[in-house]
Protein backbone atom coordinates (compact mmCIF):
# COMPACT_ATOMS: atom_id res chain seq x y z
CA MET A 1 -10.45 10.99 58.49
CA SER A 2 -7.81 12.27 56.13
CA LYS A 3 -4.12 11.54 55.95
CA CYS A 4 -1.31 14.05 55.73
CA PRO A 5 0.31 13.71 52.28
CA PHE A 6 3.74 14.15 53.85
CA CYS A 7 3.87 12.01 57.00
CA LYS A 8 0.84 9.76 56.18
CA LEU A 9 -0.60 10.12 59.71
CA GLU A 10 -4.32 10.72 60.22
CA VAL A 11 -5.52 14.29 60.67
CA ASN A 12 -9.00 15.72 61.04
CA LEU A 13 -10.42 19.23 61.07
CA ASP A 14 -10.17 19.45 64.87
CA SER A 15 -6.50 18.44 64.99
CA VAL A 16 -5.22 20.61 62.11
CA GLN A 17 -3.20 23.54 63.43
CA ARG A 18 -4.16 27.05 62.29
CA GLU A 19 -2.22 30.29 62.31
CA LYS A 20 -4.22 33.44 61.58
CA LYS A 21 -2.84 36.83 60.66
CA GLY A 22 -4.66 40.01 59.79
CA ILE A 23 -7.18 42.44 61.14
CA GLY A 24 -10.42 40.63 61.87
CA ILE A 25 -12.90 40.56 59.01
CA PHE A 26 -11.17 43.15 56.84
CA LYS A 27 -8.23 41.00 55.80
CA GLN A 28 -7.34 37.69 57.27
CA GLU A 29 -4.90 35.03 56.15
CA THR A 30 -4.93 31.51 57.59
CA LEU A 31 -2.23 28.87 57.30
CA TYR A 32 -3.21 25.24 57.98
CA TYR A 33 -0.50 22.75 58.94
CA CYS A 34 -0.17 19.16 60.12
CA PRO A 35 -0.02 18.73 63.91
CA HIS A 36 2.42 15.82 63.52
CA CYS A 37 5.06 16.93 61.00
CA GLN A 38 4.29 20.68 60.79
CA SER A 39 4.00 20.53 56.96
CA ILE A 40 1.75 23.11 55.31
CA LEU A 41 -1.56 21.60 54.23
CA GLY A 42 -3.29 24.70 52.93
CA PHE A 43 -3.61 28.45 52.89
CA SER A 44 -6.61 30.76 52.69
CA ARG A 45 -7.05 34.48 52.32
CA GLY A 46 -10.20 36.37 53.19
CA LYS A 47 -11.12 39.94 52.40
CA TYR A 48 -14.16 41.95 53.49
CA THR A 49 -16.30 43.16 50.62
CA SER A 50 -19.34 45.35 51.05
């Protein structure tokens, strides 16, 4: 278990909220945020390369 650095409540991979934007595998951006305080925990960007 991890703790949110902002609200100090426990979060795990199943409880973290995700918001995805983009077109499938070609370009996709994901924002991860705390389910308790809605603070941003991380951001990832994927891009298809052949």
